[in-house]
N, C-alpha and C. Protein backbone atom coordinates (compact mmCIF):
# COMPACT_ATOMS: atom_id res chain seq x y z
N MET A 1 -151.65 -125.69 73.47
CA MET A 1 -150.98 -124.61 74.13
C MET A 1 -150.16 -123.87 73.08
N SER A 2 -150.30 -122.53 73.04
CA SER A 2 -149.58 -121.74 72.04
C SER A 2 -148.09 -121.67 72.42
N GLY A 3 -147.30 -121.26 71.42
CA GLY A 3 -145.85 -121.20 71.61
C GLY A 3 -145.42 -120.27 72.74
N GLY A 4 -146.08 -119.11 72.86
CA GLY A 4 -145.74 -118.16 73.90
C GLY A 4 -146.04 -118.69 75.29
N ARG A 5 -147.17 -119.35 75.42
CA ARG A 5 -147.53 -119.93 76.73
C ARG A 5 -146.60 -121.07 77.09
N ARG A 6 -146.23 -121.84 76.11
CA ARG A 6 -145.31 -122.96 76.38
C ARG A 6 -143.96 -122.41 76.89
N VAL A 7 -143.48 -121.35 76.30
CA VAL A 7 -142.21 -120.75 76.71
C VAL A 7 -142.34 -120.27 78.17
N VAL A 8 -143.47 -119.63 78.51
CA VAL A 8 -143.66 -119.14 79.87
C VAL A 8 -143.64 -120.30 80.88
N VAL A 9 -144.31 -121.38 80.54
CA VAL A 9 -144.36 -122.55 81.42
C VAL A 9 -142.96 -123.16 81.60
N VAL A 10 -142.20 -123.30 80.51
CA VAL A 10 -140.89 -123.89 80.56
C VAL A 10 -139.96 -123.01 81.38
N VAL A 11 -139.96 -121.71 81.10
CA VAL A 11 -139.09 -120.79 81.83
C VAL A 11 -139.42 -120.77 83.33
N THR A 12 -140.71 -120.77 83.63
CA THR A 12 -141.11 -120.82 85.05
C THR A 12 -140.63 -122.07 85.72
N GLY A 13 -140.81 -123.21 85.07
CA GLY A 13 -140.35 -124.48 85.62
C GLY A 13 -138.83 -124.49 85.84
N LEU A 14 -138.10 -123.95 84.91
CA LEU A 14 -136.64 -123.90 85.04
C LEU A 14 -136.25 -122.96 86.19
N ALA A 15 -136.91 -121.84 86.34
CA ALA A 15 -136.61 -120.91 87.42
C ALA A 15 -136.87 -121.53 88.77
N VAL A 16 -137.97 -122.28 88.89
CA VAL A 16 -138.26 -122.96 90.15
C VAL A 16 -137.24 -124.02 90.45
N ALA A 17 -136.81 -124.77 89.45
CA ALA A 17 -135.80 -125.80 89.65
C ALA A 17 -134.47 -125.21 90.07
N VAL A 18 -134.05 -124.13 89.41
CA VAL A 18 -132.78 -123.49 89.76
C VAL A 18 -132.83 -122.91 91.16
N LEU A 19 -133.96 -122.25 91.50
CA LEU A 19 -134.11 -121.68 92.82
C LEU A 19 -134.10 -122.78 93.90
N ALA A 20 -134.82 -123.84 93.68
CA ALA A 20 -134.82 -124.94 94.65
C ALA A 20 -133.43 -125.56 94.81
N GLY A 21 -132.76 -125.75 93.70
CA GLY A 21 -131.40 -126.31 93.77
C GLY A 21 -130.43 -125.37 94.49
N GLY A 22 -130.53 -124.11 94.23
CA GLY A 22 -129.67 -123.13 94.88
C GLY A 22 -129.94 -123.03 96.37
N LEU A 23 -131.20 -123.06 96.75
CA LEU A 23 -131.57 -122.95 98.18
C LEU A 23 -131.13 -124.20 98.94
N SER A 24 -131.09 -125.34 98.27
CA SER A 24 -130.72 -126.58 98.97
C SER A 24 -129.24 -126.58 99.41
N PHE A 25 -128.37 -125.74 98.78
CA PHE A 25 -126.97 -125.70 99.16
C PHE A 25 -126.66 -124.62 100.22
N LEU A 26 -127.67 -123.86 100.63
CA LEU A 26 -127.45 -122.81 101.61
C LEU A 26 -127.87 -123.25 103.01
N SER A 27 -127.35 -122.54 104.01
CA SER A 27 -127.81 -122.83 105.37
C SER A 27 -129.24 -122.33 105.50
N TRP A 28 -129.92 -122.79 106.53
CA TRP A 28 -131.35 -122.42 106.70
C TRP A 28 -131.52 -120.91 106.82
N ASP A 29 -130.64 -120.26 107.54
CA ASP A 29 -130.75 -118.80 107.73
C ASP A 29 -130.56 -118.06 106.37
N ARG A 30 -129.54 -118.45 105.66
CA ARG A 30 -129.28 -117.77 104.34
C ARG A 30 -130.39 -118.10 103.36
N ALA A 31 -130.87 -119.35 103.35
CA ALA A 31 -131.96 -119.72 102.44
C ALA A 31 -133.23 -118.95 102.77
N ASP A 32 -133.50 -118.74 104.06
CA ASP A 32 -134.67 -117.96 104.47
C ASP A 32 -134.56 -116.53 103.99
N GLN A 33 -133.39 -115.92 104.14
CA GLN A 33 -133.18 -114.53 103.69
C GLN A 33 -133.36 -114.42 102.17
N LEU A 34 -132.72 -115.32 101.45
CA LEU A 34 -132.81 -115.29 100.02
C LEU A 34 -134.23 -115.53 99.51
N ALA A 35 -134.94 -116.47 100.16
CA ALA A 35 -136.34 -116.75 99.75
C ALA A 35 -137.19 -115.52 99.99
N GLY A 36 -136.97 -114.76 101.05
CA GLY A 36 -137.73 -113.54 101.30
C GLY A 36 -137.50 -112.49 100.21
N VAL A 37 -136.26 -112.33 99.81
CA VAL A 37 -135.94 -111.38 98.74
C VAL A 37 -136.56 -111.81 97.41
N VAL A 38 -136.41 -113.08 97.10
CA VAL A 38 -137.00 -113.60 95.84
C VAL A 38 -138.50 -113.44 95.84
N SER A 39 -139.15 -113.74 96.98
CA SER A 39 -140.59 -113.59 97.08
C SER A 39 -141.05 -112.14 96.82
N ALA A 40 -140.30 -111.19 97.39
CA ALA A 40 -140.67 -109.80 97.18
C ALA A 40 -140.51 -109.40 95.71
N LEU A 41 -139.41 -109.83 95.07
CA LEU A 41 -139.20 -109.51 93.69
C LEU A 41 -140.28 -110.14 92.78
N VAL A 42 -140.60 -111.39 93.04
CA VAL A 42 -141.64 -112.06 92.26
C VAL A 42 -143.01 -111.40 92.43
N GLY A 43 -143.29 -110.93 93.66
CA GLY A 43 -144.57 -110.24 93.92
C GLY A 43 -144.67 -108.96 93.15
N VAL A 44 -143.57 -108.16 93.14
CA VAL A 44 -143.60 -106.90 92.39
C VAL A 44 -143.71 -107.18 90.88
N ALA A 45 -142.99 -108.17 90.40
CA ALA A 45 -143.06 -108.53 88.97
C ALA A 45 -144.48 -108.98 88.62
N GLY A 46 -145.10 -109.76 89.48
CA GLY A 46 -146.47 -110.23 89.23
C GLY A 46 -147.46 -109.06 89.19
N LEU A 47 -147.30 -108.12 90.08
CA LEU A 47 -148.16 -106.94 90.10
C LEU A 47 -147.99 -106.14 88.82
N GLY A 48 -146.74 -105.93 88.41
CA GLY A 48 -146.50 -105.21 87.16
C GLY A 48 -147.08 -105.91 85.94
N THR A 49 -146.97 -107.22 85.91
CA THR A 49 -147.52 -107.99 84.80
C THR A 49 -149.04 -107.89 84.77
N ALA A 50 -149.69 -107.94 85.93
CA ALA A 50 -151.15 -107.83 86.00
C ALA A 50 -151.62 -106.43 85.51
N VAL A 51 -150.92 -105.38 85.94
CA VAL A 51 -151.30 -104.04 85.48
C VAL A 51 -151.10 -103.91 83.99
N TYR A 52 -150.02 -104.43 83.48
CA TYR A 52 -149.77 -104.40 82.02
C TYR A 52 -150.86 -105.13 81.27
N ALA A 53 -151.28 -106.28 81.75
CA ALA A 53 -152.32 -107.06 81.07
C ALA A 53 -153.65 -106.29 81.08
N VAL A 54 -153.97 -105.63 82.16
CA VAL A 54 -155.22 -104.85 82.24
C VAL A 54 -155.17 -103.71 81.25
N LEU A 55 -154.05 -102.99 81.17
CA LEU A 55 -153.93 -101.89 80.24
C LEU A 55 -153.97 -102.36 78.80
N LEU A 56 -153.40 -103.50 78.52
CA LEU A 56 -153.40 -104.07 77.19
C LEU A 56 -154.81 -104.49 76.79
N ALA A 57 -155.60 -104.98 77.72
CA ALA A 57 -156.96 -105.45 77.42
C ALA A 57 -157.88 -104.30 77.07
N ASP A 58 -157.57 -103.07 77.50
CA ASP A 58 -158.41 -101.93 77.21
C ASP A 58 -158.27 -101.42 75.78
N ARG A 59 -157.27 -101.86 75.08
CA ARG A 59 -157.09 -101.40 73.69
C ARG A 59 -158.12 -102.05 72.79
N PRO A 60 -158.68 -101.28 71.86
CA PRO A 60 -159.64 -101.89 70.92
C PRO A 60 -158.96 -102.89 69.99
N ALA A 61 -159.73 -103.85 69.58
CA ALA A 61 -159.21 -104.90 68.71
C ALA A 61 -159.01 -104.39 67.30
N ALA A 62 -158.04 -104.94 66.61
CA ALA A 62 -157.79 -104.58 65.22
C ALA A 62 -158.75 -105.34 64.32
N VAL A 63 -159.12 -104.74 63.22
CA VAL A 63 -160.02 -105.39 62.24
C VAL A 63 -159.27 -105.48 60.91
N GLU A 64 -159.22 -106.69 60.38
CA GLU A 64 -158.56 -106.92 59.10
C GLU A 64 -159.55 -107.63 58.18
N VAL A 65 -159.75 -107.03 56.99
CA VAL A 65 -160.66 -107.60 56.00
C VAL A 65 -159.88 -107.80 54.72
N SER A 66 -159.89 -109.02 54.18
CA SER A 66 -159.20 -109.28 52.92
C SER A 66 -159.82 -110.49 52.23
N ARG A 67 -159.65 -110.48 50.92
CA ARG A 67 -160.12 -111.60 50.06
C ARG A 67 -161.59 -111.93 50.29
N THR A 68 -162.42 -110.91 50.27
CA THR A 68 -163.87 -111.16 50.45
C THR A 68 -164.48 -111.53 49.10
N GLY A 69 -165.63 -112.10 49.13
CA GLY A 69 -166.36 -112.48 47.92
C GLY A 69 -167.13 -111.35 47.33
N ARG A 70 -168.07 -111.69 46.48
CA ARG A 70 -168.88 -110.74 45.74
C ARG A 70 -170.18 -110.51 46.50
N ALA A 71 -170.66 -109.27 46.48
CA ALA A 71 -171.94 -108.95 47.12
C ALA A 71 -172.82 -108.19 46.16
N VAL A 72 -174.06 -108.62 46.02
CA VAL A 72 -175.04 -107.95 45.15
C VAL A 72 -176.29 -107.71 45.96
N ALA A 73 -176.80 -106.46 45.90
CA ALA A 73 -178.03 -106.10 46.60
C ALA A 73 -178.98 -105.42 45.64
N ARG A 74 -180.22 -105.76 45.74
CA ARG A 74 -181.26 -105.15 44.92
C ARG A 74 -182.15 -104.32 45.85
N GLY A 75 -181.93 -103.00 45.82
CA GLY A 75 -182.71 -102.12 46.69
C GLY A 75 -182.16 -102.03 48.10
N GLY A 76 -180.94 -102.45 48.31
CA GLY A 76 -180.34 -102.41 49.65
C GLY A 76 -178.86 -102.10 49.57
N ASP A 77 -178.14 -102.46 50.57
CA ASP A 77 -176.70 -102.21 50.63
C ASP A 77 -175.91 -103.47 50.36
N ALA A 78 -174.85 -103.36 49.55
CA ALA A 78 -173.92 -104.46 49.29
C ALA A 78 -172.56 -104.05 49.88
N ASN A 79 -172.00 -104.92 50.68
CA ASN A 79 -170.76 -104.59 51.38
C ASN A 79 -169.80 -105.75 51.35
N THR A 80 -168.59 -105.51 50.82
CA THR A 80 -167.53 -106.52 50.92
C THR A 80 -166.30 -105.96 51.62
N GLY A 81 -166.47 -104.78 52.22
CA GLY A 81 -165.36 -104.15 52.96
C GLY A 81 -165.71 -103.99 54.43
N VAL A 82 -165.53 -102.79 54.95
CA VAL A 82 -165.79 -102.51 56.36
C VAL A 82 -166.66 -101.27 56.46
N ILE A 83 -167.70 -101.35 57.27
CA ILE A 83 -168.46 -100.18 57.65
C ILE A 83 -168.19 -99.99 59.14
N ALA A 84 -167.38 -98.98 59.45
CA ALA A 84 -166.92 -98.77 60.81
C ALA A 84 -167.75 -97.69 61.49
N PRO A 85 -167.77 -97.74 62.81
CA PRO A 85 -168.47 -96.69 63.56
C PRO A 85 -167.74 -95.35 63.39
N ALA A 86 -168.41 -94.28 63.74
CA ALA A 86 -167.82 -92.96 63.63
C ALA A 86 -166.54 -92.88 64.46
N SER A 87 -165.61 -92.03 64.03
CA SER A 87 -164.35 -91.90 64.76
C SER A 87 -164.60 -91.42 66.18
N GLY A 88 -163.70 -91.83 67.06
CA GLY A 88 -163.83 -91.46 68.47
C GLY A 88 -164.70 -92.43 69.26
N SER A 89 -165.19 -93.47 68.60
CA SER A 89 -166.05 -94.42 69.32
C SER A 89 -165.30 -95.64 69.77
N GLY A 90 -163.96 -95.62 69.70
CA GLY A 90 -163.14 -96.71 70.23
C GLY A 90 -162.80 -97.79 69.23
N ALA A 91 -162.99 -97.53 67.93
CA ALA A 91 -162.65 -98.53 66.93
C ALA A 91 -161.15 -98.68 66.87
N GLY A 92 -160.67 -99.91 66.69
CA GLY A 92 -159.25 -100.16 66.61
C GLY A 92 -158.74 -99.94 65.20
N PRO A 93 -157.49 -100.30 64.93
CA PRO A 93 -156.92 -100.14 63.60
C PRO A 93 -157.66 -100.99 62.59
N LEU A 94 -157.84 -100.46 61.39
CA LEU A 94 -158.53 -101.16 60.33
C LEU A 94 -157.58 -101.42 59.16
N SER A 95 -157.72 -102.59 58.54
CA SER A 95 -156.95 -102.91 57.37
C SER A 95 -157.89 -103.57 56.36
N VAL A 96 -157.99 -103.01 55.17
CA VAL A 96 -158.88 -103.51 54.13
C VAL A 96 -158.05 -103.72 52.87
N SER A 97 -158.07 -104.94 52.32
CA SER A 97 -157.31 -105.22 51.11
C SER A 97 -157.96 -106.33 50.31
N ASP A 98 -157.80 -106.26 48.99
CA ASP A 98 -158.22 -107.31 48.09
C ASP A 98 -159.67 -107.74 48.31
N THR A 99 -160.58 -106.75 48.40
CA THR A 99 -161.98 -107.07 48.62
C THR A 99 -162.67 -107.40 47.31
N GLY A 100 -163.78 -108.10 47.40
CA GLY A 100 -164.53 -108.52 46.22
C GLY A 100 -165.41 -107.41 45.64
N ASP A 101 -166.09 -107.72 44.58
CA ASP A 101 -166.96 -106.75 43.93
C ASP A 101 -168.23 -106.58 44.77
N ALA A 102 -168.74 -105.35 44.81
CA ALA A 102 -170.00 -105.07 45.45
C ALA A 102 -170.86 -104.29 44.47
N ARG A 103 -172.11 -104.71 44.31
CA ARG A 103 -173.03 -104.05 43.38
C ARG A 103 -174.39 -103.90 44.01
N ALA A 104 -174.91 -102.67 43.94
CA ALA A 104 -176.21 -102.40 44.50
C ALA A 104 -177.08 -101.82 43.39
N ASP A 105 -178.25 -102.40 43.18
CA ASP A 105 -179.20 -101.92 42.19
C ASP A 105 -180.43 -101.34 42.90
N GLY A 106 -181.14 -100.49 42.22
CA GLY A 106 -182.43 -100.00 42.74
C GLY A 106 -182.32 -99.06 43.92
N GLY A 107 -181.35 -98.14 43.88
CA GLY A 107 -181.24 -97.14 44.94
C GLY A 107 -180.44 -97.55 46.16
N GLY A 108 -179.77 -98.68 46.10
CA GLY A 108 -178.94 -99.10 47.21
C GLY A 108 -177.54 -98.49 47.15
N SER A 109 -176.67 -98.93 48.03
CA SER A 109 -175.29 -98.46 47.99
C SER A 109 -174.34 -99.66 48.06
N ALA A 110 -173.16 -99.48 47.49
CA ALA A 110 -172.17 -100.56 47.44
C ALA A 110 -170.88 -100.07 48.08
N ASN A 111 -170.23 -100.96 48.85
CA ASN A 111 -168.98 -100.65 49.52
C ASN A 111 -168.02 -101.81 49.35
N THR A 112 -166.83 -101.51 48.78
CA THR A 112 -165.80 -102.54 48.69
C THR A 112 -164.57 -102.19 49.47
N GLY A 113 -164.59 -101.11 50.19
CA GLY A 113 -163.43 -100.68 50.95
C GLY A 113 -163.78 -100.35 52.38
N TYR A 114 -163.63 -99.08 52.69
CA TYR A 114 -163.86 -98.59 54.05
C TYR A 114 -164.90 -97.49 54.01
N ARG A 115 -165.86 -97.59 54.90
CA ARG A 115 -166.87 -96.52 55.01
C ARG A 115 -167.15 -96.32 56.52
N GLN A 116 -167.29 -95.05 56.89
CA GLN A 116 -167.61 -94.72 58.27
C GLN A 116 -169.11 -94.47 58.36
N SER A 117 -169.70 -95.02 59.42
CA SER A 117 -171.19 -94.83 59.56
C SER A 117 -171.48 -93.58 60.36
């Protein structure tokens, strides 16, 4: 379990424990009223979180290329960087650094950085 998920689980567990402890000291009528308010707030927060997750998932993924090896092509293409689709096609942020040597012989092409297709 990643650190962020572990924090969410721990905070949720603590919130449930505090809420249960607090409700146990109230009369049934007051506990019922408070539970209704808390349920409404949690429902709205859950809806907002779901919408945020959907919007976040629509973003294109970032591409990072670094410390690549050497590429040699005879009559073809040698690539140690990134060949990205044309702009406007939904490509995410690109980062290219410290790429290896690329060599193409016999009419090919070599790319060690960034090239758009």
